[in-house]
Amino acid sequence: MLWFGLTQVQEARAGFDACTRLGGKLFLFQFKASAHTMRSGARRFHANHNQMENLRNHCTVARSVFYVFPMVGTTLELARNPDIVGQSMILDVNNIPPLNLPLTRKGTPRVSGCHYVDIFSSSNYGVIHSDPVEVKLIDASTFVQDGLDSSDGIQFRKDFQSFYDFARKLGRKSVAAIVL
């Protein structure tokens, strides 16, 4: 696996070159963080509605673009168990149905524009609020061990401009991995 941290233009060119020349697959991971655990035992994450819609609308290849929800939210939790992959759940963006804007309990749009995403580590599902919608999750360890071969990945062939346009839509904080 190649992991790189370059400028957006360099990343686009390197990612495109690596994918086309080596026959690799491009996977995108949008990591979320949370130190808040609900009474139900779920860990609550926040996912921006516009970002979610952007990922859903522009990343149409199944098993290629994912939210990653680490069930570790504090340094104390990390010190107790440093295996981040073993403690993370993954959501395939293509498994997210179209969602309305997130609303407050009063029915008004949430000022933050964020959906609440409650992740239950004891089972492979989560709930996106405010509609609410249940979504199926993948254990990150299982995905790494078994899922990469069965995952599609995003593949671009000899068209750098479409790859670069795609990369620009994702934003600066997106992380990508090319698996050869």
N, C-alpha and C. Protein backbone atom coordinates (compact mmCIF):
# COMPACT_ATOMS: atom_id res chain seq x y z
N MET A 1 0.85 -1.17 0.00
CA MET A 1 0.00 0.00 0.00
C MET A 1 0.90 1.23 0.00
N LEU A 2 0.57 2.21 -0.82
CA LEU A 2 1.29 3.48 -0.84
C LEU A 2 0.45 4.52 -0.13
N TRP A 3 1.06 5.26 0.76
CA TRP A 3 0.35 6.34 1.45
C TRP A 3 1.20 7.58 1.25
N PHE A 4 0.61 8.65 0.76
CA PHE A 4 1.42 9.81 0.47
C PHE A 4 0.73 11.08 0.94
N GLY A 5 1.52 12.08 1.32
CA GLY A 5 1.01 13.35 1.78
C GLY A 5 1.66 14.48 1.00
N LEU A 6 1.12 14.79 -0.15
CA LEU A 6 1.69 15.80 -1.03
C LEU A 6 0.70 16.95 -1.16
N THR A 7 1.07 17.95 -1.96
CA THR A 7 0.09 19.00 -2.27
C THR A 7 -1.03 18.36 -3.06
N GLN A 8 -2.15 19.06 -3.20
CA GLN A 8 -3.28 18.48 -3.89
C GLN A 8 -2.94 18.17 -5.36
N VAL A 9 -2.21 19.07 -6.02
CA VAL A 9 -1.83 18.83 -7.41
C VAL A 9 -0.87 17.66 -7.50
N GLN A 10 0.14 17.63 -6.62
CA GLN A 10 1.08 16.50 -6.62
C GLN A 10 0.36 15.19 -6.31
N GLU A 11 -0.55 15.26 -5.34
CA GLU A 11 -1.29 14.06 -4.97
C GLU A 11 -2.12 13.56 -6.15
N ALA A 12 -2.75 14.49 -6.84
CA ALA A 12 -3.56 14.09 -7.99
C ALA A 12 -2.70 13.45 -9.07
N ARG A 13 -1.57 14.08 -9.37
CA ARG A 13 -0.69 13.52 -10.41
C ARG A 13 -0.09 12.19 -9.97
N ALA A 14 0.41 12.12 -8.75
CA ALA A 14 1.01 10.87 -8.26
C ALA A 14 -0.04 9.77 -8.18
N GLY A 15 -1.20 10.11 -7.68
CA GLY A 15 -2.27 9.12 -7.59
C GLY A 15 -2.70 8.63 -8.94
N PHE A 16 -2.85 9.56 -9.87
CA PHE A 16 -3.25 9.18 -11.22
C PHE A 16 -2.18 8.31 -11.88
N ASP A 17 -0.92 8.76 -11.79
CA ASP A 17 0.17 8.01 -12.40
C ASP A 17 0.28 6.61 -11.80
N ALA A 18 0.19 6.52 -10.48
CA ALA A 18 0.32 5.21 -9.83
C ALA A 18 -0.84 4.30 -10.23
N CYS A 19 -2.04 4.84 -10.27
CA CYS A 19 -3.20 4.02 -10.62
C CYS A 19 -3.12 3.53 -12.06
N THR A 20 -2.75 4.42 -12.97
CA THR A 20 -2.77 4.02 -14.37
C THR A 20 -1.57 3.16 -14.74
N ARG A 21 -0.42 3.44 -14.17
CA ARG A 21 0.79 2.71 -14.56
C ARG A 21 0.91 1.36 -13.85
N LEU A 22 0.42 1.28 -12.64
CA LEU A 22 0.62 0.05 -11.86
C LEU A 22 -0.65 -0.78 -11.73
N GLY A 23 -1.75 -0.32 -12.28
CA GLY A 23 -2.99 -1.08 -12.20
C GLY A 23 -3.56 -1.10 -10.80
N GLY A 24 -3.28 -0.08 -10.01
CA GLY A 24 -3.76 -0.04 -8.63
C GLY A 24 -5.20 0.41 -8.52
N LYS A 25 -5.72 0.33 -7.31
CA LYS A 25 -7.06 0.79 -6.99
C LYS A 25 -6.93 1.96 -6.03
N LEU A 26 -7.73 2.98 -6.23
CA LEU A 26 -7.72 4.14 -5.34
C LEU A 26 -8.89 4.02 -4.38
N PHE A 27 -8.59 4.09 -3.09
CA PHE A 27 -9.62 4.09 -2.05
C PHE A 27 -9.54 5.42 -1.32
N LEU A 28 -10.68 5.98 -1.01
CA LEU A 28 -10.73 7.23 -0.26
C LEU A 28 -11.35 6.96 1.11
N PHE A 29 -10.71 7.53 2.14
CA PHE A 29 -11.15 7.33 3.51
C PHE A 29 -11.37 8.69 4.16
N GLN A 30 -12.58 8.95 4.61
CA GLN A 30 -12.89 10.17 5.34
C GLN A 30 -12.97 9.79 6.82
N PHE A 31 -11.90 10.11 7.56
CA PHE A 31 -11.84 9.75 8.97
C PHE A 31 -12.67 10.73 9.80
N LYS A 32 -13.37 10.21 10.76
CA LYS A 32 -14.12 11.00 11.73
C LYS A 32 -13.55 10.72 13.11
N ALA A 33 -13.74 11.66 14.01
CA ALA A 33 -13.24 11.49 15.38
C ALA A 33 -14.37 11.81 16.36
N SER A 34 -14.34 11.11 17.49
CA SER A 34 -15.33 11.36 18.52
C SER A 34 -14.83 10.86 19.87
N ALA A 35 -15.02 11.69 20.87
CA ALA A 35 -14.71 11.29 22.25
C ALA A 35 -16.01 11.18 23.05
N HIS A 36 -17.15 11.23 22.36
CA HIS A 36 -18.45 11.25 23.03
C HIS A 36 -19.16 9.90 22.91
N THR A 37 -19.40 9.26 24.04
CA THR A 37 -20.13 7.99 24.06
C THR A 37 -21.51 8.25 24.65
N MET A 38 -22.53 7.75 23.97
CA MET A 38 -23.92 7.92 24.39
C MET A 38 -24.28 6.91 25.49
N ARG A 39 -25.37 7.15 26.17
CA ARG A 39 -25.84 6.20 27.18
C ARG A 39 -26.13 4.83 26.59
N SER A 40 -26.52 4.81 25.33
CA SER A 40 -26.81 3.55 24.64
C SER A 40 -25.56 2.72 24.38
N GLY A 41 -24.37 3.33 24.58
CA GLY A 41 -23.11 2.67 24.30
C GLY A 41 -22.55 3.03 22.94
N ALA A 42 -23.35 3.73 22.13
CA ALA A 42 -22.88 4.16 20.81
C ALA A 42 -21.92 5.33 20.96
N ARG A 43 -20.96 5.40 20.06
CA ARG A 43 -20.09 6.57 19.99
C ARG A 43 -20.69 7.50 18.96
N ARG A 44 -20.82 8.79 19.31
CA ARG A 44 -21.45 9.75 18.41
C ARG A 44 -20.41 10.54 17.64
N PHE A 45 -20.57 10.52 16.32
CA PHE A 45 -19.74 11.28 15.39
C PHE A 45 -20.60 12.34 14.72
N HIS A 46 -19.96 13.33 14.14
CA HIS A 46 -20.65 14.37 13.38
C HIS A 46 -20.16 14.29 11.94
N ALA A 47 -21.10 14.31 11.00
CA ALA A 47 -20.77 14.26 9.58
C ALA A 47 -21.48 15.41 8.87
N ASN A 48 -20.71 16.27 8.27
CA ASN A 48 -21.28 17.43 7.58
C ASN A 48 -22.16 16.98 6.41
N HIS A 49 -23.36 17.53 6.35
CA HIS A 49 -24.32 17.14 5.31
C HIS A 49 -23.78 17.41 3.91
N ASN A 50 -23.19 18.59 3.69
CA ASN A 50 -22.69 18.93 2.36
C ASN A 50 -21.55 18.00 1.95
N GLN A 51 -20.67 17.70 2.88
CA GLN A 51 -19.57 16.78 2.59
C GLN A 51 -20.13 15.40 2.24
N MET A 52 -21.10 14.95 3.01
CA MET A 52 -21.69 13.63 2.78
C MET A 52 -22.34 13.58 1.40
N GLU A 53 -23.08 14.63 1.06
CA GLU A 53 -23.72 14.68 -0.25
C GLU A 53 -22.68 14.72 -1.36
N ASN A 54 -21.61 15.47 -1.15
CA ASN A 54 -20.54 15.56 -2.13
C ASN A 54 -19.91 14.18 -2.36
N LEU A 55 -19.62 13.48 -1.28
CA LEU A 55 -19.05 12.14 -1.40
C LEU A 55 -20.02 11.19 -2.11
N ARG A 56 -21.29 11.26 -1.73
CA ARG A 56 -22.29 10.38 -2.34
C ARG A 56 -22.45 10.67 -3.84
N ASN A 57 -22.50 11.95 -4.20
CA ASN A 57 -22.77 12.32 -5.58
C ASN A 57 -21.59 12.14 -6.52
N HIS A 58 -20.38 12.28 -6.00
CA HIS A 58 -19.20 12.24 -6.86
C HIS A 58 -18.41 10.94 -6.75
N CYS A 59 -18.78 10.11 -5.83
CA CYS A 59 -18.04 8.86 -5.62
C CYS A 59 -19.02 7.71 -5.82
N THR A 60 -19.26 7.40 -7.07
CA THR A 60 -20.34 6.46 -7.39
C THR A 60 -19.87 5.02 -7.55
N VAL A 61 -18.61 4.74 -7.32
CA VAL A 61 -18.11 3.38 -7.44
C VAL A 61 -18.21 2.71 -6.07
N ALA A 62 -18.98 1.63 -6.00
CA ALA A 62 -19.17 0.94 -4.72
C ALA A 62 -17.84 0.40 -4.19
N ARG A 63 -17.76 0.30 -2.88
CA ARG A 63 -16.59 -0.26 -2.19
C ARG A 63 -15.30 0.47 -2.57
N SER A 64 -15.38 1.81 -2.62
CA SER A 64 -14.22 2.62 -2.98
C SER A 64 -14.03 3.83 -2.09
N VAL A 65 -15.13 4.37 -1.58
CA VAL A 65 -15.09 5.58 -0.76
C VAL A 65 -15.78 5.27 0.56
N PHE A 66 -15.08 5.59 1.66
CA PHE A 66 -15.55 5.15 2.96
C PHE A 66 -15.41 6.23 4.02
N TYR A 67 -16.35 6.24 4.95
CA TYR A 67 -16.16 6.93 6.22
C TYR A 67 -15.49 5.93 7.16
N VAL A 68 -14.55 6.39 7.96
CA VAL A 68 -13.89 5.55 8.95
C VAL A 68 -14.22 6.12 10.32
N PHE A 69 -14.76 5.27 11.19
CA PHE A 69 -15.16 5.67 12.53
C PHE A 69 -14.33 4.92 13.56
N PRO A 70 -13.24 5.53 14.04
CA PRO A 70 -12.44 4.87 15.09
C PRO A 70 -13.22 4.90 16.41
N MET A 71 -13.28 3.78 17.07
CA MET A 71 -13.98 3.71 18.35
C MET A 71 -13.04 4.07 19.50
N VAL A 72 -12.05 4.87 19.17
CA VAL A 72 -11.07 5.41 20.11
C VAL A 72 -11.17 6.92 20.00
N GLY A 73 -11.41 7.59 21.12
CA GLY A 73 -11.60 9.03 21.03
C GLY A 73 -10.72 9.85 21.94
N THR A 74 -10.00 9.20 22.83
CA THR A 74 -9.13 9.93 23.75
C THR A 74 -7.76 9.26 23.79
N THR A 75 -6.78 10.00 24.28
CA THR A 75 -5.44 9.41 24.40
C THR A 75 -5.43 8.27 25.42
N LEU A 76 -6.27 8.37 26.44
CA LEU A 76 -6.35 7.28 27.42
C LEU A 76 -6.88 6.01 26.77
N GLU A 77 -7.92 6.12 25.94
CA GLU A 77 -8.44 4.96 25.22
C GLU A 77 -7.39 4.38 24.27
N LEU A 78 -6.65 5.26 23.62
CA LEU A 78 -5.61 4.82 22.71
C LEU A 78 -4.49 4.11 23.46
N ALA A 79 -4.13 4.62 24.64
CA ALA A 79 -3.08 3.99 25.45
C ALA A 79 -3.52 2.59 25.90
N ARG A 80 -4.80 2.43 26.19
CA ARG A 80 -5.32 1.12 26.62
C ARG A 80 -5.28 0.10 25.49
N ASN A 81 -5.53 0.58 24.28
CA ASN A 81 -5.54 -0.33 23.13
C ASN A 81 -5.14 0.46 21.88
N PRO A 82 -3.86 0.40 21.48
CA PRO A 82 -3.37 1.21 20.36
C PRO A 82 -3.72 0.67 18.98
N ASP A 83 -4.46 -0.41 18.89
CA ASP A 83 -4.82 -0.99 17.59
C ASP A 83 -5.99 -0.21 17.00
N ILE A 84 -5.68 0.88 16.27
CA ILE A 84 -6.72 1.73 15.69
C ILE A 84 -7.55 0.96 14.65
N VAL A 85 -6.89 0.21 13.78
CA VAL A 85 -7.61 -0.52 12.74
C VAL A 85 -8.57 -1.52 13.38
N GLY A 86 -8.10 -2.23 14.39
CA GLY A 86 -8.94 -3.20 15.07
C GLY A 86 -10.11 -2.60 15.81
N GLN A 87 -10.07 -1.30 16.03
CA GLN A 87 -11.13 -0.62 16.77
C GLN A 87 -11.91 0.36 15.89
N SER A 88 -11.85 0.17 14.58
CA SER A 88 -12.53 1.09 13.67
C SER A 88 -13.60 0.37 12.86
N MET A 89 -14.64 1.12 12.53
CA MET A 89 -15.72 0.63 11.68
C MET A 89 -15.71 1.48 10.41
N ILE A 90 -16.09 0.87 9.30
CA ILE A 90 -16.06 1.54 8.00
C ILE A 90 -17.46 1.53 7.40
N LEU A 91 -17.83 2.66 6.82
CA LEU A 91 -19.12 2.80 6.14
C LEU A 91 -18.86 3.10 4.67
N ASP A 92 -19.34 2.24 3.78
CA ASP A 92 -19.25 2.47 2.35
C ASP A 92 -20.21 3.62 2.02
N VAL A 93 -19.70 4.68 1.41
CA VAL A 93 -20.51 5.85 1.10
C VAL A 93 -21.70 5.48 0.22
N ASN A 94 -21.54 4.48 -0.64
CA ASN A 94 -22.66 4.08 -1.50
C ASN A 94 -23.80 3.43 -0.74
N ASN A 95 -23.59 3.08 0.52
CA ASN A 95 -24.65 2.51 1.34
C ASN A 95 -25.44 3.58 2.08
N ILE A 96 -25.11 4.85 1.87
CA ILE A 96 -25.84 5.94 2.52
C ILE A 96 -26.95 6.38 1.57
N PRO A 97 -28.20 6.29 2.01
CA PRO A 97 -29.30 6.74 1.14
C PRO A 97 -29.33 8.27 1.09
N PRO A 98 -30.06 8.85 0.14
CA PRO A 98 -30.20 10.31 0.13
C PRO A 98 -30.80 10.78 1.46
N LEU A 99 -30.24 11.84 2.00
CA LEU A 99 -30.68 12.33 3.30
C LEU A 99 -31.13 13.79 3.19
N ASN A 100 -32.15 14.12 3.97
CA ASN A 100 -32.56 15.51 4.09
C ASN A 100 -31.57 16.25 4.97
N LEU A 101 -31.63 17.57 4.96
CA LEU A 101 -30.78 18.36 5.85
C LEU A 101 -31.03 17.92 7.29
N PRO A 102 -30.00 17.91 8.12
CA PRO A 102 -30.19 17.52 9.53
C PRO A 102 -31.00 18.59 10.27
N LEU A 103 -31.90 18.13 11.11
CA LEU A 103 -32.79 19.03 11.83
C LEU A 103 -32.60 18.92 13.34
N THR A 104 -32.96 19.99 14.03
CA THR A 104 -32.97 19.97 15.50
C THR A 104 -34.24 19.26 15.97
N ARG A 105 -34.37 19.09 17.27
CA ARG A 105 -35.59 18.48 17.83
C ARG A 105 -36.82 19.32 17.53
N LYS A 106 -36.62 20.62 17.34
CA LYS A 106 -37.74 21.52 17.03
C LYS A 106 -38.11 21.50 15.55
N GLY A 107 -37.34 20.77 14.74
CA GLY A 107 -37.64 20.67 13.32
C GLY A 107 -37.00 21.75 12.47
N THR A 108 -36.11 22.53 13.06
CA THR A 108 -35.41 23.57 12.30
C THR A 108 -34.04 23.02 11.86
N PRO A 109 -33.49 23.55 10.76
CA PRO A 109 -32.19 23.05 10.31
C PRO A 109 -31.11 23.27 11.37
N ARG A 110 -30.28 22.25 11.57
CA ARG A 110 -29.16 22.35 12.50
C ARG A 110 -28.16 23.38 12.00
N VAL A 111 -27.77 24.30 12.85
CA VAL A 111 -26.83 25.37 12.48
C VAL A 111 -25.51 24.79 11.99
N SER A 112 -25.05 23.72 12.61
CA SER A 112 -23.77 23.12 12.23
C SER A 112 -23.82 22.46 10.86
N GLY A 113 -25.03 22.10 10.41
CA GLY A 113 -25.16 21.39 9.14
C GLY A 113 -24.69 19.95 9.22
N CYS A 114 -24.52 19.43 10.45
CA CYS A 114 -23.99 18.08 10.63
C CYS A 114 -25.06 17.08 11.04
N HIS A 115 -24.96 15.89 10.46
CA HIS A 115 -25.75 14.76 10.90
C HIS A 115 -25.03 14.14 12.09
N TYR A 116 -25.80 13.59 13.01
CA TYR A 116 -25.21 12.78 14.06
C TYR A 116 -25.13 11.36 13.52
N VAL A 117 -24.00 10.72 13.74
CA VAL A 117 -23.82 9.33 13.31
C VAL A 117 -23.44 8.55 14.56
N ASP A 118 -24.35 7.69 15.00
CA ASP A 118 -24.12 6.87 16.18
C ASP A 118 -23.63 5.49 15.74
N ILE A 119 -22.45 5.10 16.22
CA ILE A 119 -21.82 3.84 15.83
C ILE A 119 -21.80 2.91 17.03
N PHE A 120 -22.28 1.71 16.83
CA PHE A 120 -22.33 0.70 17.87
C PHE A 120 -21.22 -0.30 17.60
N SER A 121 -20.21 -0.34 18.45
CA SER A 121 -19.06 -1.21 18.22
C SER A 121 -19.40 -2.69 18.41
N SER A 122 -20.43 -2.98 19.20
CA SER A 122 -20.76 -4.37 19.47
C SER A 122 -21.50 -5.04 18.32
N SER A 123 -21.98 -4.25 17.37
CA SER A 123 -22.66 -4.81 16.20
C SER A 123 -22.25 -4.00 14.98
N ASN A 124 -22.48 -4.55 13.82
CA ASN A 124 -22.01 -3.90 12.60
C ASN A 124 -23.07 -2.99 11.97
N TYR A 125 -23.57 -2.05 12.78
CA TYR A 125 -24.49 -1.08 12.21
C TYR A 125 -24.32 0.26 12.92
N GLY A 126 -24.83 1.28 12.27
CA GLY A 126 -24.83 2.62 12.83
C GLY A 126 -26.13 3.29 12.45
N VAL A 127 -26.38 4.44 13.05
CA VAL A 127 -27.60 5.19 12.75
C VAL A 127 -27.21 6.63 12.43
N ILE A 128 -27.66 7.11 11.26
CA ILE A 128 -27.46 8.50 10.88
C ILE A 128 -28.73 9.25 11.22
N HIS A 129 -28.59 10.34 11.97
CA HIS A 129 -29.74 11.16 12.37
C HIS A 129 -29.70 12.45 11.57
N SER A 130 -30.77 13.11 11.21
CA SER A 130 -31.94 13.16 12.03
C SER A 130 -33.12 12.39 11.46
N ASP A 131 -32.96 11.74 10.33
CA ASP A 131 -34.13 11.07 9.75
C ASP A 131 -34.70 9.91 10.56
N PRO A 132 -34.18 9.09 11.28
CA PRO A 132 -32.89 8.40 11.31
C PRO A 132 -32.83 7.27 10.27
N VAL A 133 -31.63 6.91 9.89
CA VAL A 133 -31.39 5.88 8.89
C VAL A 133 -30.34 4.92 9.44
N GLU A 134 -30.66 3.63 9.41
CA GLU A 134 -29.69 2.62 9.86
C GLU A 134 -28.80 2.24 8.68
N VAL A 135 -27.48 2.16 8.95
CA VAL A 135 -26.53 1.81 7.90
C VAL A 135 -25.66 0.65 8.36
N LYS A 136 -25.31 -0.21 7.41
CA LYS A 136 -24.46 -1.37 7.69
C LYS A 136 -23.00 -0.93 7.67
N LEU A 137 -22.21 -1.43 8.61
CA LEU A 137 -20.80 -1.10 8.72
C LEU A 137 -19.94 -2.33 8.47
N ILE A 138 -18.68 -2.08 8.19
CA ILE A 138 -17.71 -3.14 7.98
C ILE A 138 -16.63 -2.98 9.05
N ASP A 139 -16.26 -4.05 9.70
CA ASP A 139 -15.14 -4.00 10.64
C ASP A 139 -13.87 -3.71 9.83
N ALA A 140 -13.09 -2.72 10.25
CA ALA A 140 -11.92 -2.29 9.48
C ALA A 140 -10.89 -3.41 9.32
N SER A 141 -10.69 -4.21 10.36
CA SER A 141 -9.73 -5.32 10.26
C SER A 141 -10.17 -6.32 9.19
N THR A 142 -11.45 -6.63 9.17
CA THR A 142 -11.98 -7.56 8.17
C THR A 142 -11.82 -6.97 6.78
N PHE A 143 -12.09 -5.68 6.65
CA PHE A 143 -11.95 -5.02 5.35
C PHE A 143 -10.52 -5.11 4.84
N VAL A 144 -9.56 -4.84 5.72
CA VAL A 144 -8.16 -4.87 5.31
C VAL A 144 -7.74 -6.30 4.96
N GLN A 145 -8.17 -7.26 5.78
CA GLN A 145 -7.77 -8.66 5.56
C GLN A 145 -8.47 -9.29 4.36
N ASP A 146 -9.76 -9.05 4.23
CA ASP A 146 -10.55 -9.74 3.21
C ASP A 146 -11.13 -8.84 2.13
N GLY A 147 -11.36 -7.59 2.48
CA GLY A 147 -12.16 -6.74 1.61
C GLY A 147 -11.46 -6.09 0.46
N LEU A 148 -10.16 -5.90 0.53
CA LEU A 148 -9.48 -5.16 -0.53
C LEU A 148 -9.59 -5.86 -1.88
N ASP A 149 -9.45 -7.17 -1.89
CA ASP A 149 -9.55 -7.89 -3.16
C ASP A 149 -10.95 -7.80 -3.75
N SER A 150 -11.97 -7.76 -2.90
CA SER A 150 -13.34 -7.71 -3.40
C SER A 150 -13.84 -6.28 -3.57
N SER A 151 -13.03 -5.30 -3.23
CA SER A 151 -13.43 -3.91 -3.38
C SER A 151 -13.09 -3.41 -4.77
N ASP A 152 -13.93 -2.55 -5.27
CA ASP A 152 -13.78 -2.06 -6.64
C ASP A 152 -12.62 -1.10 -6.79
N GLY A 153 -12.54 -0.13 -5.89
CA GLY A 153 -11.54 0.92 -6.05
C GLY A 153 -11.93 1.82 -7.22
N ILE A 154 -11.40 3.00 -7.22
CA ILE A 154 -11.67 3.94 -8.30
C ILE A 154 -10.54 3.81 -9.29
N GLN A 155 -10.88 3.58 -10.52
CA GLN A 155 -9.86 3.38 -11.54
C GLN A 155 -10.02 4.43 -12.63
N PHE A 156 -8.93 5.11 -12.94
CA PHE A 156 -8.91 6.12 -13.99
C PHE A 156 -7.94 5.65 -15.06
N ARG A 157 -8.32 5.80 -16.29
CA ARG A 157 -7.48 5.34 -17.39
C ARG A 157 -7.14 6.50 -18.33
N LYS A 158 -5.89 6.96 -18.27
CA LYS A 158 -5.34 7.92 -19.22
C LYS A 158 -6.09 9.25 -19.30
N ASP A 159 -6.83 9.61 -18.30
CA ASP A 159 -7.55 10.88 -18.31
C ASP A 159 -7.26 11.62 -17.02
N PHE A 160 -6.12 12.30 -16.97
CA PHE A 160 -5.70 12.99 -15.77
C PHE A 160 -6.70 14.06 -15.35
N GLN A 161 -7.28 14.80 -16.29
CA GLN A 161 -8.16 15.91 -15.94
C GLN A 161 -9.37 15.43 -15.15
N SER A 162 -9.97 14.31 -15.55
CA SER A 162 -11.13 13.81 -14.79
C SER A 162 -10.71 13.38 -13.39
N PHE A 163 -9.52 12.78 -13.28
CA PHE A 163 -9.00 12.40 -11.98
C PHE A 163 -8.76 13.64 -11.11
N TYR A 164 -8.16 14.68 -11.68
CA TYR A 164 -7.85 15.89 -10.93
C TYR A 164 -9.14 16.60 -10.51
N ASP A 165 -10.12 16.69 -11.39
CA ASP A 165 -11.41 17.30 -11.05
C ASP A 165 -12.06 16.55 -9.90
N PHE A 166 -11.99 15.23 -9.96
CA PHE A 166 -12.53 14.39 -8.90
C PHE A 166 -11.84 14.68 -7.57
N ALA A 167 -10.51 14.72 -7.58
CA ALA A 167 -9.73 14.96 -6.35
C ALA A 167 -10.04 16.33 -5.77
N ARG A 168 -10.21 17.34 -6.60
CA ARG A 168 -10.49 18.70 -6.11
C ARG A 168 -11.84 18.79 -5.41
N LYS A 169 -12.81 18.00 -5.80
CA LYS A 169 -14.14 18.04 -5.19
C LYS A 169 -14.15 17.50 -3.77
N LEU A 170 -13.15 16.71 -3.43
CA LEU A 170 -13.15 16.05 -2.13
C LEU A 170 -12.67 16.92 -0.99
N GLY A 171 -11.87 17.92 -1.26
CA GLY A 171 -11.39 18.80 -0.20
C GLY A 171 -10.02 18.41 0.30
N ARG A 172 -9.39 19.33 1.01
CA ARG A 172 -8.01 19.17 1.44
C ARG A 172 -7.82 18.13 2.53
N LYS A 173 -8.84 17.84 3.31
CA LYS A 173 -8.66 16.93 4.44
C LYS A 173 -8.94 15.47 4.08
N SER A 174 -9.26 15.20 2.85
CA SER A 174 -9.52 13.82 2.45
C SER A 174 -8.22 13.05 2.37
N VAL A 175 -8.29 11.77 2.65
CA VAL A 175 -7.12 10.91 2.63
C VAL A 175 -7.39 9.80 1.62
N ALA A 176 -6.38 9.48 0.84
CA ALA A 176 -6.52 8.41 -0.15
C ALA A 176 -5.41 7.41 0.01
N ALA A 177 -5.68 6.21 -0.35
CA ALA A 177 -4.66 5.15 -0.36
C ALA A 177 -4.76 4.44 -1.70
N ILE A 178 -3.61 4.17 -2.28
CA ILE A 178 -3.57 3.41 -3.52
C ILE A 178 -3.05 2.02 -3.16
N VAL A 179 -3.84 1.02 -3.51
CA VAL A 179 -3.46 -0.36 -3.20
C VAL A 179 -3.06 -1.02 -4.50
N LEU A 180 -1.83 -1.54 -4.52
CA LEU A 180 -1.30 -2.17 -5.72
C LEU A 180 -1.49 -3.67 -5.68
